[in-house]
Amino acid sequence: MDALIEYGKILVPASVVLYGVYLMVRSFINKEIELKKLEVRGRAIETVLPNRLQAYERMTLFLERMSPPNLLSRVSNPVYSARELHKILLDEIRNEYNHNVAQQIYMSEEVWNMIRNAKEDLVIMINEAAQTLAPEATGLDLSRKIFERSLEKNVEPISHALSELKKEIQQTF
């Protein structure tokens, strides 16, 4: 019995010291892991931040280029028929969108959906304007119809998407 008490006198303090050392080492390792995570996150932010800014810039440029006045002044030519201009406008929108579609990973889903919806709304507006024209209509007639339809809108989707994109940039930075 005395031997058991002697072992207890040795084992209990040794166990307490060992447990204390275990807690200290675990705390130290957890702090080191957190520091490494912060370091990795900092490096990721340094890498992603320029890409994210570039994505916002590219989508701002996309929206500006897709606004009806800018789009029509860039691609319109008096020699085009309405059908030719209609096809050129839709191809231009599709190409611009496809060129910038990867930028969605750098912005919120809400803003990306607004950009996509603005593009779709523009395509619908161009299609509706083209459908109201006679087959022999000129490209200038189509341009005029598109301008009229864009002026009729109370809330212009491209301007709204651009505004929301700018708000997100301001919130991020």
C-alpha atoms as a PDB file:
ATOM      1  CA  MET A   1       0.000   0.000   0.000  1.00  0.00           C
ATOM      2  CA  ASP A   2       2.836   2.381   0.845  1.00  0.00           C
ATOM      3  CA  ALA A   3       4.363   1.684  -2.545  1.00  0.00           C
ATOM      4  CA  LEU A   4       1.091   2.565  -4.243  1.00  0.00           C
ATOM      5  CA  ILE A   5       0.927   5.876  -2.383  1.00  0.00           C
ATOM      6  CA  GLU A   6       4.539   6.610  -3.312  1.00  0.00           C
ATOM      7  CA  TYR A   7       3.751   5.890  -6.988  1.00  0.00           C
ATOM      8  CA  GLY A   8       0.698   8.118  -6.701  1.00  0.00           C
ATOM      9  CA  LYS A   9       2.842  10.934  -5.269  1.00  0.00           C
ATOM     10  CA  ILE A  10       5.090  10.674  -8.303  1.00  0.00           C
ATOM     11  CA  LEU A  11       2.493   9.931 -11.021  1.00  0.00           C
ATOM     12  CA  VAL A  12      -0.108  12.594 -10.144  1.00  0.00           C
ATOM     13  CA  PRO A  13       2.290  15.605 -10.273  1.00  0.00           C
ATOM     14  CA  ALA A  14       4.021  14.129 -13.320  1.00  0.00           C
ATOM     15  CA  SER A  15       0.629  13.716 -15.032  1.00  0.00           C
ATOM     16  CA  VAL A  16      -0.341  17.312 -14.203  1.00  0.00           C
ATOM     17  CA  VAL A  17       2.987  18.612 -15.550  1.00  0.00           C
ATOM     18  CA  LEU A  18       2.694  16.456 -18.656  1.00  0.00           C
ATOM     19  CA  TYR A  19      -0.871  17.667 -19.285  1.00  0.00           C
ATOM     20  CA  GLY A  20       0.270  21.292 -18.820  1.00  0.00           C
ATOM     21  CA  VAL A  21       3.091  20.780 -21.335  1.00  0.00           C
ATOM     22  CA  TYR A  22       0.617  19.171 -23.743  1.00  0.00           C
ATOM     23  CA  LEU A  23      -1.707  22.192 -23.479  1.00  0.00           C
ATOM     24  CA  MET A  24       1.165  24.636 -24.043  1.00  0.00           C
ATOM     25  CA  VAL A  25       2.461  22.746 -27.082  1.00  0.00           C
ATOM     26  CA  ARG A  26      -1.039  22.452 -28.526  1.00  0.00           C
ATOM     27  CA  SER A  27      -1.618  26.184 -28.020  1.00  0.00           C
ATOM     28  CA  PHE A  28       1.717  26.993 -29.660  1.00  0.00           C
ATOM     29  CA  ILE A  29       0.962  24.743 -32.660  1.00  0.00           C
ATOM     30  CA  ASN A  30      -2.525  26.263 -33.071  1.00  0.00           C
ATOM     31  CA  LYS A  31      -1.045  29.772 -33.049  1.00  0.00           C
ATOM     32  CA  GLU A  32       1.525  28.764 -35.656  1.00  0.00           C
ATOM     33  CA  ILE A  33      -1.203  27.249 -37.838  1.00  0.00           C
ATOM     34  CA  GLU A  34      -3.268  30.451 -37.583  1.00  0.00           C
ATOM     35  CA  LEU A  35      -0.229  32.561 -38.478  1.00  0.00           C
ATOM     36  CA  LYS A  36       0.422  30.376 -41.534  1.00  0.00           C
ATOM     37  CA  LYS A  37      -3.243  30.673 -42.572  1.00  0.00           C
ATOM     38  CA  LEU A  38      -3.059  34.461 -42.268  1.00  0.00           C
ATOM     39  CA  GLU A  39       0.156  34.512 -44.260  1.00  0.00           C
ATOM     40  CA  VAL A  40      -1.385  32.361 -47.023  1.00  0.00           C
ATOM     41  CA  ARG A  41      -4.531  34.518 -47.038  1.00  0.00           C
ATOM     42  CA  GLY A  42      -2.408  37.660 -47.300  1.00  0.00           C
ATOM     43  CA  ARG A  43      -0.510  36.261 -50.272  1.00  0.00           C
ATOM     44  CA  ALA A  44      -3.793  35.173 -51.883  1.00  0.00           C
ATOM     45  CA  ILE A  45      -5.222  38.659 -51.463  1.00  0.00           C
ATOM     46  CA  GLU A  46      -2.097  40.145 -53.046  1.00  0.00           C
ATOM     47  CA  THR A  47      -2.608  37.832 -56.005  1.00  0.00           C
ATOM     48  CA  VAL A  48      -6.395  38.051 -56.329  1.00  0.00           C
ATOM     49  CA  LEU A  49      -6.828  41.778 -55.676  1.00  0.00           C
ATOM     50  CA  PRO A  50      -5.271  42.945 -58.977  1.00  0.00           C
ATOM     51  CA  ASN A  51      -7.256  40.312 -60.876  1.00  0.00           C
ATOM     52  CA  ARG A  52     -10.451  41.356 -59.154  1.00  0.00           C
ATOM     53  CA  LEU A  53      -9.859  45.013 -59.964  1.00  0.00           C
ATOM     54  CA  GLN A  54      -9.146  44.094 -63.559  1.00  0.00           C
ATOM     55  CA  ALA A  55     -12.392  42.095 -63.696  1.00  0.00           C
ATOM     56  CA  TYR A  56     -14.362  45.088 -62.435  1.00  0.00           C
ATOM     57  CA  GLU A  57     -12.644  47.290 -65.019  1.00  0.00           C
ATOM     58  CA  ARG A  58     -13.374  44.849 -67.826  1.00  0.00           C
ATOM     59  CA  MET A  59     -17.024  44.499 -66.880  1.00  0.00           C
ATOM     60  CA  THR A  60     -17.372  48.276 -66.621  1.00  0.00           C
ATOM     61  CA  LEU A  61     -15.913  48.541 -70.112  1.00  0.00           C
ATOM     62  CA  PHE A  62     -18.225  45.767 -71.323  1.00  0.00           C
ATOM     63  CA  LEU A  63     -21.308  47.556 -69.994  1.00  0.00           C
ATOM     64  CA  GLU A  64     -20.203  50.874 -71.447  1.00  0.00           C
ATOM     65  CA  ARG A  65     -19.529  49.294 -74.839  1.00  0.00           C
ATOM     66  CA  MET A  66     -22.932  47.570 -74.783  1.00  0.00           C
ATOM     67  CA  SER A  67     -24.967  50.699 -74.091  1.00  0.00           C
ATOM     68  CA  PRO A  68     -27.078  51.322 -77.216  1.00  0.00           C
ATOM     69  CA  PRO A  69     -25.501  54.692 -78.138  1.00  0.00           C
ATOM     70  CA  ASN A  70     -21.951  53.338 -77.882  1.00  0.00           C
ATOM     71  CA  LEU A  71     -22.762  50.027 -79.542  1.00  0.00           C
ATOM     72  CA  LEU A  72     -24.571  51.610 -82.467  1.00  0.00           C
ATOM     73  CA  SER A  73     -21.978  54.319 -83.034  1.00  0.00           C
ATOM     74  CA  ARG A  74     -19.224  51.693 -83.044  1.00  0.00           C
ATOM     75  CA  VAL A  75     -20.750  49.175 -85.480  1.00  0.00           C
ATOM     76  CA  SER A  76     -23.268  51.162 -87.484  1.00  0.00           C
ATOM     77  CA  ASN A  77     -22.617  51.792 -91.157  1.00  0.00           C
ATOM     78  CA  PRO A  78     -25.088  53.475 -93.534  1.00  0.00           C
ATOM     79  CA  VAL A  79     -24.638  50.755 -96.153  1.00  0.00           C
ATOM     80  CA  TYR A  80     -25.944  47.995 -93.860  1.00  0.00           C
ATOM     81  CA  SER A  81     -29.478  46.760 -94.217  1.00  0.00           C
ATOM     82  CA  ALA A  82     -31.512  46.298 -91.047  1.00  0.00           C
ATOM     83  CA  ARG A  83     -30.951  42.539 -91.185  1.00  0.00           C
ATOM     84  CA  GLU A  84     -27.196  42.928 -91.599  1.00  0.00           C
ATOM     85  CA  LEU A  85     -26.959  45.426 -88.750  1.00  0.00           C
ATOM     86  CA  HIS A  86     -29.160  43.205 -86.588  1.00  0.00           C
ATOM     87  CA  LYS A  87     -26.808  40.256 -87.102  1.00  0.00           C
ATOM     88  CA  ILE A  88     -23.705  42.401 -86.543  1.00  0.00           C
ATOM     89  CA  LEU A  89     -25.113  43.864 -83.319  1.00  0.00           C
ATOM     90  CA  LEU A  90     -25.986  40.444 -81.910  1.00  0.00           C
ATOM     91  CA  ASP A  91     -22.599  39.024 -82.911  1.00  0.00           C
ATOM     92  CA  GLU A  92     -20.829  41.967 -81.288  1.00  0.00           C
ATOM     93  CA  ILE A  93     -22.765  41.547 -78.042  1.00  0.00           C
ATOM     94  CA  ARG A  94     -22.192  37.792 -78.010  1.00  0.00           C
ATOM     95  CA  ASN A  95     -18.464  38.145 -78.703  1.00  0.00           C
ATOM     96  CA  GLU A  96     -17.974  40.827 -76.052  1.00  0.00           C
ATOM     97  CA  TYR A  97     -19.886  38.773 -73.503  1.00  0.00           C
ATOM     98  CA  ASN A  98     -18.026  35.545 -74.286  1.00  0.00           C
ATOM     99  CA  HIS A  99     -14.727  37.410 -74.064  1.00  0.00           C
ATOM    100  CA  ASN A 100     -15.571  38.605 -70.530  1.00  0.00           C
ATOM    101  CA  VAL A 101     -17.593  35.701 -69.120  1.00  0.00           C
ATOM    102  CA  ALA A 102     -14.719  34.436 -66.944  1.00  0.00           C
ATOM    103  CA  GLN A 103     -14.773  37.677 -64.940  1.00  0.00           C
ATOM    104  CA  GLN A 104     -17.816  36.428 -63.041  1.00  0.00           C
ATOM    105  CA  ILE A 105     -15.603  34.531 -60.602  1.00  0.00           C
ATOM    106  CA  TYR A 106     -14.313  37.833 -59.206  1.00  0.00           C
ATOM    107  CA  MET A 107     -17.678  39.435 -58.425  1.00  0.00           C
ATOM    108  CA  SER A 108     -20.809  38.669 -56.486  1.00  0.00           C
ATOM    109  CA  GLU A 109     -23.453  36.494 -58.064  1.00  0.00           C
ATOM    110  CA  GLU A 110     -25.988  39.298 -57.703  1.00  0.00           C
ATOM    111  CA  VAL A 111     -23.931  41.758 -59.758  1.00  0.00           C
ATOM    112  CA  TRP A 112     -23.051  39.117 -62.330  1.00  0.00           C
ATOM    113  CA  ASN A 113     -26.748  38.281 -62.757  1.00  0.00           C
ATOM    114  CA  MET A 114     -27.501  41.981 -63.283  1.00  0.00           C
ATOM    115  CA  ILE A 115     -24.811  42.173 -65.967  1.00  0.00           C
ATOM    116  CA  ARG A 116     -26.090  39.043 -67.682  1.00  0.00           C
ATOM    117  CA  ASN A 117     -29.701  40.272 -67.473  1.00  0.00           C
ATOM    118  CA  ALA A 118     -28.694  43.661 -68.902  1.00  0.00           C
ATOM    119  CA  LYS A 119     -27.068  41.887 -71.841  1.00  0.00           C
ATOM    120  CA  GLU A 120     -30.136  39.700 -72.359  1.00  0.00           C
ATOM    121  CA  ASP A 121     -32.427  42.723 -72.137  1.00  0.00           C
ATOM    122  CA  LEU A 122     -30.365  44.485 -74.807  1.00  0.00           C
ATOM    123  CA  VAL A 123     -30.571  41.436 -77.082  1.00  0.00           C
ATOM    124  CA  ILE A 124     -34.351  41.290 -76.595  1.00  0.00           C
ATOM    125  CA  MET A 125     -34.666  45.005 -77.294  1.00  0.00           C
ATOM    126  CA  ILE A 126     -32.638  44.683 -80.517  1.00  0.00           C
ATOM    127  CA  ASN A 127     -34.666  41.642 -81.625  1.00  0.00           C
ATOM    128  CA  GLU A 128     -37.968  43.397 -80.928  1.00  0.00           C
ATOM    129  CA  ALA A 129     -36.822  46.502 -82.791  1.00  0.00           C
ATOM    130  CA  ALA A 130     -35.758  44.384 -85.766  1.00  0.00           C
ATOM    131  CA  GLN A 131     -39.082  42.521 -85.843  1.00  0.00           C
ATOM    132  CA  THR A 132     -41.066  45.745 -86.176  1.00  0.00           C
ATOM    133  CA  LEU A 133     -39.219  46.781 -89.354  1.00  0.00           C
ATOM    134  CA  ALA A 134     -40.053  45.929 -92.912  1.00  0.00           C
ATOM    135  CA  PRO A 135     -37.685  43.501 -94.694  1.00  0.00           C
ATOM    136  CA  GLU A 136     -36.314  46.302 -96.900  1.00  0.00           C
ATOM    137  CA  ALA A 137     -35.504  48.601 -93.935  1.00  0.00           C
ATOM    138  CA  THR A 138     -32.051  50.119 -93.638  1.00  0.00           C
ATOM    139  CA  GLY A 139     -29.581  49.895 -90.790  1.00  0.00           C
ATOM    140  CA  LEU A 140     -30.385  53.508 -89.932  1.00  0.00           C
ATOM    141  CA  ASP A 141     -34.029  52.550 -89.434  1.00  0.00           C
ATOM    142  CA  LEU A 142     -32.987  49.805 -87.037  1.00  0.00           C
ATOM    143  CA  SER A 143     -30.650  52.171 -85.184  1.00  0.00           C
ATOM    144  CA  ARG A 144     -33.470  54.677 -84.828  1.00  0.00           C
ATOM    145  CA  LYS A 145     -35.840  52.004 -83.474  1.00  0.00           C
ATOM    146  CA  ILE A 146     -33.254  50.805 -80.959  1.00  0.00           C
ATOM    147  CA  PHE A 147     -32.649  54.367 -79.750  1.00  0.00           C
ATOM    148  CA  GLU A 148     -36.393  54.904 -79.391  1.00  0.00           C
ATOM    149  CA  ARG A 149     -36.818  51.702 -77.385  1.00  0.00           C
ATOM    150  CA  SER A 150     -33.880  52.517 -75.128  1.00  0.00           C
ATOM    151  CA  LEU A 151     -35.337  55.982 -74.420  1.00  0.00           C
ATOM    152  CA  GLU A 152     -38.716  54.453 -73.549  1.00  0.00           C
ATOM    153  CA  LYS A 153     -37.256  52.400 -70.694  1.00  0.00           C
ATOM    154  CA  ASN A 154     -37.787  53.836 -67.209  1.00  0.00           C
ATOM    155  CA  VAL A 155     -34.875  51.902 -65.741  1.00  0.00           C
ATOM    156  CA  GLU A 156     -32.108  51.236 -68.217  1.00  0.00           C
ATOM    157  CA  PRO A 157     -30.705  47.769 -67.288  1.00  0.00           C
ATOM    158  CA  ILE A 158     -27.166  48.504 -68.449  1.00  0.00           C
ATOM    159  CA  SER A 159     -26.970  51.694 -66.384  1.00  0.00           C
ATOM    160  CA  HIS A 160     -28.476  49.892 -63.397  1.00  0.00           C
ATOM    161  CA  ALA A 161     -25.965  47.024 -63.674  1.00  0.00           C
ATOM    162  CA  LEU A 162     -23.121  49.538 -64.012  1.00  0.00           C
ATOM    163  CA  SER A 163     -24.338  51.362 -60.919  1.00  0.00           C
ATOM    164  CA  GLU A 164     -24.483  48.125 -58.910  1.00  0.00           C
ATOM    165  CA  LEU A 165     -21.032  47.138 -60.160  1.00  0.00           C
ATOM    166  CA  LYS A 166     -19.641  50.457 -58.934  1.00  0.00           C
ATOM    167  CA  LYS A 167     -21.347  49.990 -55.551  1.00  0.00           C
ATOM    168  CA  GLU A 168     -19.742  46.571 -55.178  1.00  0.00           C
ATOM    169  CA  ILE A 169     -16.329  47.991 -56.027  1.00  0.00           C
ATOM    170  CA  GLN A 170     -16.770  50.706 -53.406  1.00  0.00           C
ATOM    171  CA  GLN A 171     -17.851  48.183 -50.778  1.00  0.00           C
ATOM    172  CA  THR A 172     -14.903  45.940 -51.567  1.00  0.00           C
ATOM    173  CA  PHE A 173     -12.283  48.656 -51.459  1.00  0.00           C
END
